[in-house]
Protein backbone atom coordinates (compact mmCIF):
# COMPACT_ATOMS: atom_id res chain seq x y z
CA UNK A 1 -63.25 -21.28 40.38
CA UNK A 2 -61.25 -24.17 39.55
CA UNK A 3 -61.07 -25.66 36.04
CA UNK A 4 -62.02 -29.42 35.99
CA UNK A 5 -59.29 -31.30 34.30
CA UNK A 6 -60.35 -32.84 31.11
CA UNK A 7 -59.97 -36.71 30.78
CA UNK A 8 -57.48 -36.22 27.73
CA UNK A 9 -55.29 -33.87 29.79
CA UNK A 10 -52.59 -36.12 30.32
CA UNK A 11 -52.44 -37.34 26.34
CA UNK A 12 -50.10 -35.19 25.18
CA UNK A 13 -47.39 -36.91 28.18
CA UNK A 14 -48.71 -40.54 27.09
CA UNK A 15 -45.67 -40.84 24.90
CA UNK A 16 -43.46 -40.75 28.04
CA UNK A 17 -44.72 -44.12 28.81
CA UNK A 18 -44.13 -45.49 25.42
CA UNK A 19 -41.06 -44.02 23.99
CA UNK A 20 -38.28 -46.95 23.49
CA UNK A 21 -35.47 -45.15 21.95
CA UNK A 22 -34.60 -41.42 21.98
CA UNK A 23 -32.33 -39.75 19.29
CA UNK A 24 -30.40 -36.59 21.03
CA UNK A 25 -28.67 -33.97 19.09
CA UNK A 26 -26.93 -31.14 20.17
CA UNK A 27 -24.02 -29.11 18.84
CA UNK A 28 -24.89 -30.71 15.54
CA UNK A 29 -23.87 -34.05 16.97
CA UNK A 30 -26.93 -36.80 17.06
CA UNK A 31 -26.76 -40.13 19.47
CA UNK A 32 -29.44 -42.79 19.58
CA UNK A 33 -29.98 -44.41 22.70
CA UNK A 34 -32.12 -46.70 23.95
CA UNK A 35 -34.58 -46.16 26.93
CA UNK A 36 -32.79 -48.19 29.35
CA UNK A 37 -29.10 -47.40 28.23
CA UNK A 38 -28.67 -44.63 31.26
CA UNK A 39 -30.17 -44.97 34.52
CA UNK A 40 -32.44 -42.43 35.51
CA UNK A 41 -32.79 -41.56 31.84
CA UNK A 42 -36.41 -42.00 31.48
CA UNK A 43 -37.53 -40.12 34.83
CA UNK A 44 -35.60 -37.26 34.30
CA UNK A 45 -37.04 -37.28 30.54
CA UNK A 46 -40.59 -37.29 32.02
CA UNK A 47 -39.86 -34.57 34.66
CA UNK A 48 -38.47 -32.18 32.21
CA UNK A 49 -41.03 -32.81 30.04
CA UNK A 50 -44.08 -31.94 32.18
CA UNK A 51 -43.26 -29.03 33.14
CA UNK A 52 -44.05 -27.77 29.80
CA UNK A 53 -47.92 -26.86 30.19
CA UNK A 54 -48.25 -23.47 28.25
CA UNK A 55 -49.41 -24.24 24.92
CA UNK A 56 -48.32 -22.35 21.58
CA UNK A 57 -45.57 -20.66 23.77
CA UNK A 58 -42.40 -19.41 22.39
CA UNK A 59 -39.01 -20.47 24.08
CA UNK A 60 -37.01 -17.50 25.30
CA UNK A 61 -33.53 -18.64 24.14
CA UNK A 62 -32.77 -20.56 20.94
CA UNK A 63 -32.91 -24.39 20.92
CA UNK A 64 -29.78 -26.00 22.30
CA UNK A 65 -30.42 -29.45 22.27
CA UNK A 66 -33.64 -31.89 20.62
CA UNK A 67 -34.54 -34.96 21.71
CA UNK A 68 -36.67 -37.27 19.33
CA UNK A 69 -38.48 -39.68 21.56
CA UNK A 70 -39.40 -43.09 19.38
CA UNK A 71 -41.80 -46.27 19.85
CA UNK A 72 -40.11 -48.40 17.79
CA UNK A 73 -39.06 -46.40 14.05
CA UNK A 74 -41.87 -44.08 15.12
CA UNK A 75 -41.66 -40.69 16.30
CA UNK A 76 -43.69 -40.13 19.03
CA UNK A 77 -42.51 -36.75 20.46
CA UNK A 78 -39.70 -34.19 20.54
CA UNK A 79 -38.26 -32.37 23.43
CA UNK A 80 -36.45 -29.02 23.07
CA UNK A 81 -34.27 -27.45 25.51
CA UNK A 82 -33.67 -23.88 25.07
CA UNK A 83 -31.70 -22.17 28.16
CA UNK A 84 -33.64 -22.97 31.54
CA UNK A 85 -36.85 -23.72 29.36
CA UNK A 86 -38.44 -27.20 27.04
CA UNK A 87 -40.70 -27.52 24.84
CA UNK A 88 -42.71 -30.56 24.59
CA UNK A 89 -44.21 -31.95 21.07
CA UNK A 90 -46.14 -34.65 20.90
CA UNK A 91 -45.98 -36.36 17.61
CA UNK A 92 -47.59 -36.50 14.84
CA UNK A 93 -49.23 -33.01 15.04
CA UNK A 94 -49.58 -32.35 18.60
CA UNK A 95 -49.68 -28.93 20.13
CA UNK A 96 -46.03 -27.58 21.51
CA UNK A 97 -46.26 -26.80 24.79
CA UNK A 98 -43.62 -24.80 26.95
CA UNK A 99 -42.17 -24.75 30.59
CA UNK A 100 -39.52 -24.25 33.19
CA UNK A 101 -38.55 -27.47 34.41
CA UNK A 102 -36.72 -27.40 37.69
CA UNK A 103 -33.37 -26.33 37.33
CA UNK A 104 -32.01 -29.57 38.83
CA UNK A 105 -33.63 -31.82 36.76
CA UNK A 106 -32.78 -30.28 33.50
CA UNK A 107 -29.12 -29.47 34.64
CA UNK A 108 -29.20 -33.83 35.29
CA UNK A 109 -30.73 -34.35 31.89
CA UNK A 110 -28.17 -32.32 30.75
CA UNK A 111 -25.39 -33.96 32.24
CA UNK A 112 -26.88 -37.61 31.55
CA UNK A 113 -27.37 -36.83 27.92
CA UNK A 114 -23.39 -35.62 27.68
CA UNK A 115 -21.95 -38.98 28.39
CA UNK A 116 -21.19 -40.91 25.96
């Protein structure tokens, strides 16, 4: 029997509509971008983040990139990329969710973020 979707089901992803900038860290280098700085960035972040549906699961690979989403100066969510998986953690103190996004979306996000 299918479970009813709780009204709070979108709450873990509410930050996707609220973030105004992101900090991106990879290989020890950090870059800060405004939401509109890179065309298509917000849509790709949303697609990749929403693939994370397994609560408190472990990533199969080490984290190789980390995105911190901010609304003003407040951290609202963290998206970590490890291999072909992602971990989405709403802030403050939300439950981490892990999933495997579509490979093309993850590759496109990595590509967009590598442009300076």
